[in-house]
Amino acid sequence: MFTYRTSQPPKNTPANSDTDLVCQTLETNRDDFEIYINNKPISIYGSQGQFRTSVLSLKISELQVIYDEIGEYPILLLDDFMSELDEKRRKSFIKFIDKVQVIITCTDKINIDKSDYSCFNVKKGKIIEQFT
């Protein structure tokens, strides 16, 4: 189960002024999305691995919805998502994204078995391809 709360005004609500409209457009998105396990918020009662897994599950769902709509998968961007996943969760997630183009950033090298991928290392502003 999950809940979603937005800080944005309803779409049919006119802005008080042009300045309000610009501020609403440029503000950081402050929407709130909370995931529950057994009616308890995972952000409070779950582990970091459970929280990351739940967010990744939503990402996989998004990929599938987009694929169903347009017939191709979007590029998935993931920033340091594997640092708090155990090996079992990592392998399970990699299995789900095998057919998707993914760009992953991380601080440690990750082991991706049986996948066609390229690995790049950035050192002092220079990009170096690491052959797999």
N, C-alpha and C. Protein backbone atom coordinates (compact mmCIF):
# COMPACT_ATOMS: atom_id res chain seq x y z
N MET A 1 0.84 -1.17 0.00
CA MET A 1 0.00 0.00 0.00
C MET A 1 0.89 1.24 0.00
N PHE A 2 0.42 2.31 -0.61
CA PHE A 2 1.16 3.54 -0.58
C PHE A 2 0.21 4.73 -0.59
N THR A 3 0.70 5.86 -0.12
CA THR A 3 -0.06 7.10 -0.17
C THR A 3 0.76 8.13 -0.92
N TYR A 4 0.06 9.09 -1.50
CA TYR A 4 0.72 10.16 -2.26
C TYR A 4 0.09 11.48 -1.87
N ARG A 5 0.91 12.43 -1.47
CA ARG A 5 0.45 13.77 -1.14
C ARG A 5 1.27 14.77 -1.95
N THR A 6 0.60 15.74 -2.50
CA THR A 6 1.29 16.75 -3.29
C THR A 6 1.20 18.12 -2.61
N SER A 7 2.22 18.91 -2.82
CA SER A 7 2.21 20.28 -2.30
C SER A 7 1.74 21.27 -3.36
N GLN A 8 1.49 20.77 -4.55
CA GLN A 8 1.07 21.64 -5.66
C GLN A 8 -0.43 21.92 -5.59
N PRO A 9 -0.85 23.12 -5.97
CA PRO A 9 -2.29 23.42 -5.99
C PRO A 9 -2.96 22.62 -7.11
N PRO A 10 -4.25 22.40 -7.01
CA PRO A 10 -4.97 21.71 -8.09
C PRO A 10 -4.78 22.44 -9.42
N LYS A 11 -4.81 21.69 -10.52
CA LYS A 11 -4.52 22.28 -11.83
C LYS A 11 -5.49 23.39 -12.22
N ASN A 12 -6.72 23.34 -11.79
CA ASN A 12 -7.71 24.35 -12.18
C ASN A 12 -7.71 25.57 -11.26
N THR A 13 -6.79 25.63 -10.29
CA THR A 13 -6.70 26.76 -9.38
C THR A 13 -5.80 27.82 -10.01
N PRO A 14 -6.34 29.02 -10.28
CA PRO A 14 -5.49 30.05 -10.89
C PRO A 14 -4.47 30.58 -9.88
N ALA A 15 -3.31 30.94 -10.37
CA ALA A 15 -2.29 31.55 -9.51
C ALA A 15 -2.72 32.96 -9.15
N ASN A 16 -2.25 33.43 -7.99
CA ASN A 16 -2.60 34.79 -7.56
C ASN A 16 -1.92 35.84 -8.42
N SER A 17 -0.77 35.52 -8.94
CA SER A 17 -0.06 36.47 -9.79
C SER A 17 0.91 35.70 -10.68
N ASP A 18 1.52 36.43 -11.61
CA ASP A 18 2.53 35.80 -12.46
C ASP A 18 3.70 35.32 -11.64
N THR A 19 4.05 36.07 -10.58
CA THR A 19 5.16 35.67 -9.71
C THR A 19 4.86 34.34 -9.04
N ASP A 20 3.63 34.16 -8.55
CA ASP A 20 3.25 32.90 -7.93
C ASP A 20 3.40 31.75 -8.91
N LEU A 21 3.00 31.98 -10.16
CA LEU A 21 3.07 30.94 -11.17
C LEU A 21 4.53 30.56 -11.43
N VAL A 22 5.41 31.56 -11.53
CA VAL A 22 6.82 31.29 -11.76
C VAL A 22 7.40 30.54 -10.57
N CYS A 23 7.08 30.96 -9.35
CA CYS A 23 7.60 30.29 -8.16
C CYS A 23 7.12 28.84 -8.10
N GLN A 24 5.86 28.61 -8.45
CA GLN A 24 5.33 27.24 -8.42
C GLN A 24 6.04 26.39 -9.46
N THR A 25 6.37 26.99 -10.59
CA THR A 25 7.02 26.24 -11.65
C THR A 25 8.47 25.94 -11.30
N LEU A 26 9.17 26.87 -10.64
CA LEU A 26 10.59 26.70 -10.36
C LEU A 26 10.88 26.03 -9.03
N GLU A 27 9.87 25.89 -8.17
CA GLU A 27 10.11 25.28 -6.86
C GLU A 27 10.51 23.82 -6.99
N THR A 28 11.27 23.37 -5.99
CA THR A 28 11.59 21.96 -5.90
C THR A 28 10.29 21.20 -5.67
N ASN A 29 10.19 20.05 -6.29
CA ASN A 29 9.00 19.22 -6.12
C ASN A 29 8.95 18.74 -4.67
N ARG A 30 7.88 19.04 -3.98
CA ARG A 30 7.75 18.65 -2.58
C ARG A 30 6.67 17.60 -2.38
N ASP A 31 6.43 16.82 -3.39
CA ASP A 31 5.43 15.77 -3.27
C ASP A 31 5.93 14.70 -2.30
N ASP A 32 5.01 14.09 -1.62
CA ASP A 32 5.33 13.07 -0.64
C ASP A 32 4.73 11.74 -1.09
N PHE A 33 5.52 10.72 -1.03
CA PHE A 33 5.10 9.39 -1.44
C PHE A 33 5.52 8.46 -0.32
N GLU A 34 4.57 7.78 0.31
CA GLU A 34 4.90 6.90 1.42
C GLU A 34 4.45 5.48 1.12
N ILE A 35 5.33 4.53 1.41
CA ILE A 35 5.07 3.11 1.15
C ILE A 35 4.89 2.41 2.48
N TYR A 36 3.91 1.50 2.54
CA TYR A 36 3.60 0.78 3.76
C TYR A 36 3.78 -0.72 3.58
N ILE A 37 4.28 -1.36 4.63
CA ILE A 37 4.31 -2.82 4.72
C ILE A 37 3.57 -3.18 6.01
N ASN A 38 2.55 -4.01 5.89
CA ASN A 38 1.72 -4.38 7.05
C ASN A 38 1.18 -3.14 7.77
N ASN A 39 0.72 -2.17 6.98
CA ASN A 39 0.14 -0.92 7.48
C ASN A 39 1.10 -0.07 8.31
N LYS A 40 2.40 -0.28 8.14
CA LYS A 40 3.40 0.54 8.82
C LYS A 40 4.29 1.20 7.78
N PRO A 41 4.58 2.49 7.95
CA PRO A 41 5.42 3.18 6.96
C PRO A 41 6.81 2.56 6.89
N ILE A 42 7.20 2.18 5.70
CA ILE A 42 8.50 1.54 5.52
C ILE A 42 9.65 2.51 5.82
N SER A 43 9.41 3.80 5.67
CA SER A 43 10.46 4.78 5.94
C SER A 43 10.83 4.81 7.42
N ILE A 44 9.93 4.39 8.29
CA ILE A 44 10.20 4.37 9.73
C ILE A 44 10.53 2.96 10.22
N TYR A 45 9.74 1.97 9.78
CA TYR A 45 9.86 0.63 10.33
C TYR A 45 10.65 -0.34 9.47
N GLY A 46 10.96 0.03 8.24
CA GLY A 46 11.68 -0.88 7.35
C GLY A 46 13.17 -0.61 7.35
N SER A 47 13.91 -1.58 6.86
CA SER A 47 15.36 -1.40 6.71
C SER A 47 15.63 -0.56 5.46
N GLN A 48 16.86 -0.10 5.32
CA GLN A 48 17.23 0.64 4.11
C GLN A 48 17.07 -0.24 2.88
N GLY A 49 17.42 -1.53 3.01
CA GLY A 49 17.26 -2.47 1.90
C GLY A 49 15.81 -2.63 1.50
N GLN A 50 14.91 -2.72 2.48
CA GLN A 50 13.47 -2.84 2.18
C GLN A 50 12.97 -1.57 1.51
N PHE A 51 13.41 -0.42 2.00
CA PHE A 51 12.99 0.85 1.41
C PHE A 51 13.46 0.95 -0.03
N ARG A 52 14.74 0.65 -0.27
CA ARG A 52 15.29 0.71 -1.63
C ARG A 52 14.57 -0.29 -2.55
N THR A 53 14.32 -1.49 -2.04
CA THR A 53 13.63 -2.51 -2.84
C THR A 53 12.24 -2.05 -3.23
N SER A 54 11.53 -1.42 -2.31
CA SER A 54 10.18 -0.95 -2.62
C SER A 54 10.21 0.16 -3.67
N VAL A 55 11.16 1.06 -3.57
CA VAL A 55 11.29 2.13 -4.56
C VAL A 55 11.66 1.53 -5.93
N LEU A 56 12.57 0.58 -5.94
CA LEU A 56 12.96 -0.06 -7.20
C LEU A 56 11.79 -0.83 -7.81
N SER A 57 10.94 -1.42 -6.97
CA SER A 57 9.74 -2.11 -7.47
C SER A 57 8.82 -1.14 -8.18
N LEU A 58 8.69 0.06 -7.63
CA LEU A 58 7.88 1.09 -8.28
C LEU A 58 8.50 1.51 -9.61
N LYS A 59 9.83 1.61 -9.65
CA LYS A 59 10.52 1.96 -10.90
C LYS A 59 10.27 0.90 -11.97
N ILE A 60 10.33 -0.37 -11.58
CA ILE A 60 10.07 -1.45 -12.54
C ILE A 60 8.63 -1.35 -13.04
N SER A 61 7.71 -1.03 -12.15
CA SER A 61 6.31 -0.87 -12.55
C SER A 61 6.16 0.27 -13.55
N GLU A 62 6.86 1.39 -13.28
CA GLU A 62 6.82 2.52 -14.21
C GLU A 62 7.34 2.12 -15.58
N LEU A 63 8.45 1.38 -15.60
CA LEU A 63 9.00 0.91 -16.88
C LEU A 63 7.96 0.12 -17.66
N GLN A 64 7.27 -0.77 -16.97
CA GLN A 64 6.29 -1.62 -17.64
C GLN A 64 5.10 -0.82 -18.15
N VAL A 65 4.65 0.16 -17.36
CA VAL A 65 3.53 1.01 -17.80
C VAL A 65 3.92 1.77 -19.06
N ILE A 66 5.11 2.35 -19.07
CA ILE A 66 5.56 3.09 -20.25
C ILE A 66 5.71 2.15 -21.45
N TYR A 67 6.26 0.96 -21.22
CA TYR A 67 6.37 -0.01 -22.31
C TYR A 67 5.00 -0.37 -22.87
N ASP A 68 4.04 -0.59 -22.00
CA ASP A 68 2.68 -0.93 -22.44
C ASP A 68 2.05 0.20 -23.25
N GLU A 69 2.40 1.44 -22.93
CA GLU A 69 1.83 2.60 -23.63
C GLU A 69 2.49 2.87 -24.98
N ILE A 70 3.83 2.81 -25.03
CA ILE A 70 4.51 3.24 -26.25
C ILE A 70 5.26 2.12 -26.97
N GLY A 71 5.31 0.93 -26.37
CA GLY A 71 5.94 -0.20 -27.04
C GLY A 71 7.44 -0.29 -26.92
N GLU A 72 8.06 0.57 -26.11
CA GLU A 72 9.49 0.47 -25.86
C GLU A 72 9.79 0.95 -24.44
N TYR A 73 10.88 0.43 -23.90
CA TYR A 73 11.25 0.81 -22.54
C TYR A 73 12.00 2.14 -22.55
N PRO A 74 11.78 2.98 -21.55
CA PRO A 74 12.58 4.20 -21.44
C PRO A 74 13.96 3.87 -20.88
N ILE A 75 14.87 4.81 -20.95
CA ILE A 75 16.18 4.64 -20.32
C ILE A 75 15.99 4.83 -18.82
N LEU A 76 16.51 3.91 -18.04
CA LEU A 76 16.39 3.96 -16.59
C LEU A 76 17.66 4.54 -16.01
N LEU A 77 17.54 5.60 -15.22
CA LEU A 77 18.69 6.23 -14.58
C LEU A 77 18.66 5.90 -13.09
N LEU A 78 19.75 5.33 -12.59
CA LEU A 78 19.82 4.94 -11.18
C LEU A 78 21.10 5.51 -10.58
N ASP A 79 20.98 6.22 -9.48
CA ASP A 79 22.12 6.84 -8.83
C ASP A 79 22.40 6.13 -7.51
N ASP A 80 23.50 5.41 -7.45
CA ASP A 80 23.99 4.75 -6.23
C ASP A 80 22.90 3.94 -5.53
N PHE A 81 22.15 3.18 -6.28
CA PHE A 81 21.03 2.45 -5.71
C PHE A 81 21.44 1.12 -5.08
N MET A 82 22.59 0.58 -5.46
CA MET A 82 22.96 -0.75 -4.98
C MET A 82 23.69 -0.75 -3.65
N SER A 83 24.07 0.41 -3.16
CA SER A 83 24.89 0.45 -1.95
C SER A 83 24.20 -0.14 -0.73
N GLU A 84 22.89 -0.11 -0.69
CA GLU A 84 22.18 -0.61 0.48
C GLU A 84 21.37 -1.87 0.20
N LEU A 85 21.65 -2.52 -0.94
CA LEU A 85 20.97 -3.78 -1.25
C LEU A 85 21.92 -4.95 -1.00
N ASP A 86 21.37 -6.02 -0.44
CA ASP A 86 22.19 -7.22 -0.28
C ASP A 86 22.33 -7.93 -1.63
N GLU A 87 23.19 -8.92 -1.69
CA GLU A 87 23.49 -9.60 -2.95
C GLU A 87 22.26 -10.21 -3.59
N LYS A 88 21.38 -10.80 -2.80
CA LYS A 88 20.15 -11.42 -3.33
C LYS A 88 19.26 -10.38 -4.00
N ARG A 89 19.08 -9.23 -3.37
CA ARG A 89 18.24 -8.17 -3.94
C ARG A 89 18.88 -7.59 -5.19
N ARG A 90 20.20 -7.45 -5.19
CA ARG A 90 20.90 -6.94 -6.38
C ARG A 90 20.66 -7.85 -7.57
N LYS A 91 20.89 -9.14 -7.39
CA LYS A 91 20.72 -10.09 -8.49
C LYS A 91 19.28 -10.11 -8.98
N SER A 92 18.34 -10.06 -8.06
CA SER A 92 16.92 -10.07 -8.42
C SER A 92 16.57 -8.83 -9.25
N PHE A 93 17.06 -7.67 -8.84
CA PHE A 93 16.77 -6.45 -9.57
C PHE A 93 17.41 -6.46 -10.96
N ILE A 94 18.66 -6.89 -11.03
CA ILE A 94 19.36 -6.95 -12.32
C ILE A 94 18.60 -7.85 -13.29
N LYS A 95 18.03 -8.94 -12.79
CA LYS A 95 17.25 -9.85 -13.64
C LYS A 95 16.05 -9.13 -14.27
N PHE A 96 15.42 -8.25 -13.50
CA PHE A 96 14.24 -7.54 -14.00
C PHE A 96 14.58 -6.48 -15.05
N ILE A 97 15.77 -5.93 -15.00
CA ILE A 97 16.11 -4.84 -15.93
C ILE A 97 17.01 -5.31 -17.07
N ASP A 98 17.07 -6.60 -17.30
CA ASP A 98 17.97 -7.16 -18.31
C ASP A 98 17.68 -6.65 -19.71
N LYS A 99 16.45 -6.34 -20.05
CA LYS A 99 16.07 -5.92 -21.40
C LYS A 99 15.97 -4.40 -21.53
N VAL A 100 16.38 -3.67 -20.50
CA VAL A 100 16.21 -2.22 -20.44
C VAL A 100 17.58 -1.55 -20.51
N GLN A 101 17.64 -0.41 -21.22
CA GLN A 101 18.87 0.37 -21.21
C GLN A 101 18.93 1.13 -19.89
N VAL A 102 20.02 0.94 -19.15
CA VAL A 102 20.15 1.50 -17.81
C VAL A 102 21.47 2.24 -17.69
N ILE A 103 21.42 3.38 -17.04
CA ILE A 103 22.64 4.11 -16.68
C ILE A 103 22.69 4.11 -15.16
N ILE A 104 23.75 3.50 -14.63
CA ILE A 104 23.91 3.37 -13.18
C ILE A 104 25.14 4.14 -12.76
N THR A 105 25.00 4.98 -11.75
CA THR A 105 26.17 5.61 -11.14
C THR A 105 26.35 5.00 -9.76
N CYS A 106 27.60 4.77 -9.39
CA CYS A 106 27.88 4.23 -8.06
C CYS A 106 29.32 4.54 -7.68
N THR A 107 29.60 4.38 -6.41
CA THR A 107 30.95 4.67 -5.93
C THR A 107 31.83 3.45 -5.93
N ASP A 108 31.24 2.26 -5.91
CA ASP A 108 31.99 1.01 -5.95
C ASP A 108 31.62 0.23 -7.20
N LYS A 109 32.56 -0.55 -7.70
CA LYS A 109 32.26 -1.38 -8.87
C LYS A 109 31.25 -2.45 -8.46
N ILE A 110 30.25 -2.65 -9.32
CA ILE A 110 29.24 -3.67 -9.04
C ILE A 110 29.43 -4.83 -9.99
N ASN A 111 29.14 -6.00 -9.53
CA ASN A 111 29.28 -7.21 -10.33
C ASN A 111 27.94 -7.52 -10.99
N ILE A 112 27.90 -7.47 -12.30
CA ILE A 112 26.69 -7.76 -13.05
C ILE A 112 26.96 -9.00 -13.89
N ASP A 113 26.50 -10.14 -13.41
CA ASP A 113 26.71 -11.41 -14.10
C ASP A 113 25.80 -11.53 -15.32
N LYS A 114 26.33 -12.14 -16.37
CA LYS A 114 25.55 -12.53 -17.55
C LYS A 114 24.77 -11.39 -18.18
N SER A 115 25.31 -10.20 -18.17
CA SER A 115 24.66 -9.08 -18.83
C SER A 115 25.65 -8.41 -19.76
N ASP A 116 25.14 -7.86 -20.83
CA ASP A 116 25.96 -7.10 -21.77
C ASP A 116 25.98 -5.66 -21.28
N TYR A 117 27.14 -5.20 -20.83
CA TYR A 117 27.21 -3.85 -20.30
C TYR A 117 28.59 -3.24 -20.52
N SER A 118 28.64 -1.93 -20.41
CA SER A 118 29.89 -1.20 -20.45
C SER A 118 30.07 -0.53 -19.10
N CYS A 119 31.31 -0.42 -18.68
CA CYS A 119 31.61 0.19 -17.39
C CYS A 119 32.63 1.31 -17.63
N PHE A 120 32.35 2.46 -17.04
CA PHE A 120 33.24 3.60 -17.18
C PHE A 120 33.63 4.10 -15.80
N ASN A 121 34.85 4.55 -15.68
CA ASN A 121 35.36 5.09 -14.43
C ASN A 121 35.74 6.55 -14.67
N VAL A 122 35.35 7.41 -13.77
CA VAL A 122 35.69 8.82 -13.89
C VAL A 122 36.74 9.15 -12.84
N LYS A 123 37.93 9.56 -13.30
CA LYS A 123 39.02 9.93 -12.40
C LYS A 123 39.55 11.29 -12.81
N LYS A 124 39.52 12.20 -11.87
CA LYS A 124 40.02 13.55 -12.10
C LYS A 124 39.43 14.17 -13.35
N GLY A 125 38.14 13.94 -13.57
CA GLY A 125 37.42 14.53 -14.68
C GLY A 125 37.59 13.82 -16.01
N LYS A 126 38.33 12.73 -16.04
CA LYS A 126 38.54 11.98 -17.28
C LYS A 126 37.76 10.67 -17.22
N ILE A 127 37.13 10.33 -18.33
CA ILE A 127 36.33 9.11 -18.42
C ILE A 127 37.19 8.00 -19.01
N ILE A 128 37.28 6.89 -18.28
CA ILE A 128 38.09 5.76 -18.71
C ILE A 128 37.18 4.54 -18.79
N GLU A 129 37.13 3.90 -19.96
CA GLU A 129 36.30 2.70 -20.10
C GLU A 129 37.01 1.53 -19.45
N GLN A 130 36.26 0.81 -18.62
CA GLN A 130 36.76 -0.40 -17.97
C GLN A 130 36.19 -1.58 -18.76
N PHE A 131 37.06 -2.37 -19.34
CA PHE A 131 36.57 -3.49 -20.16
C PHE A 131 36.15 -4.63 -19.26
N THR A 132 34.97 -5.20 -19.58
CA THR A 132 34.42 -6.26 -18.74
C THR A 132 34.74 -7.63 -19.28
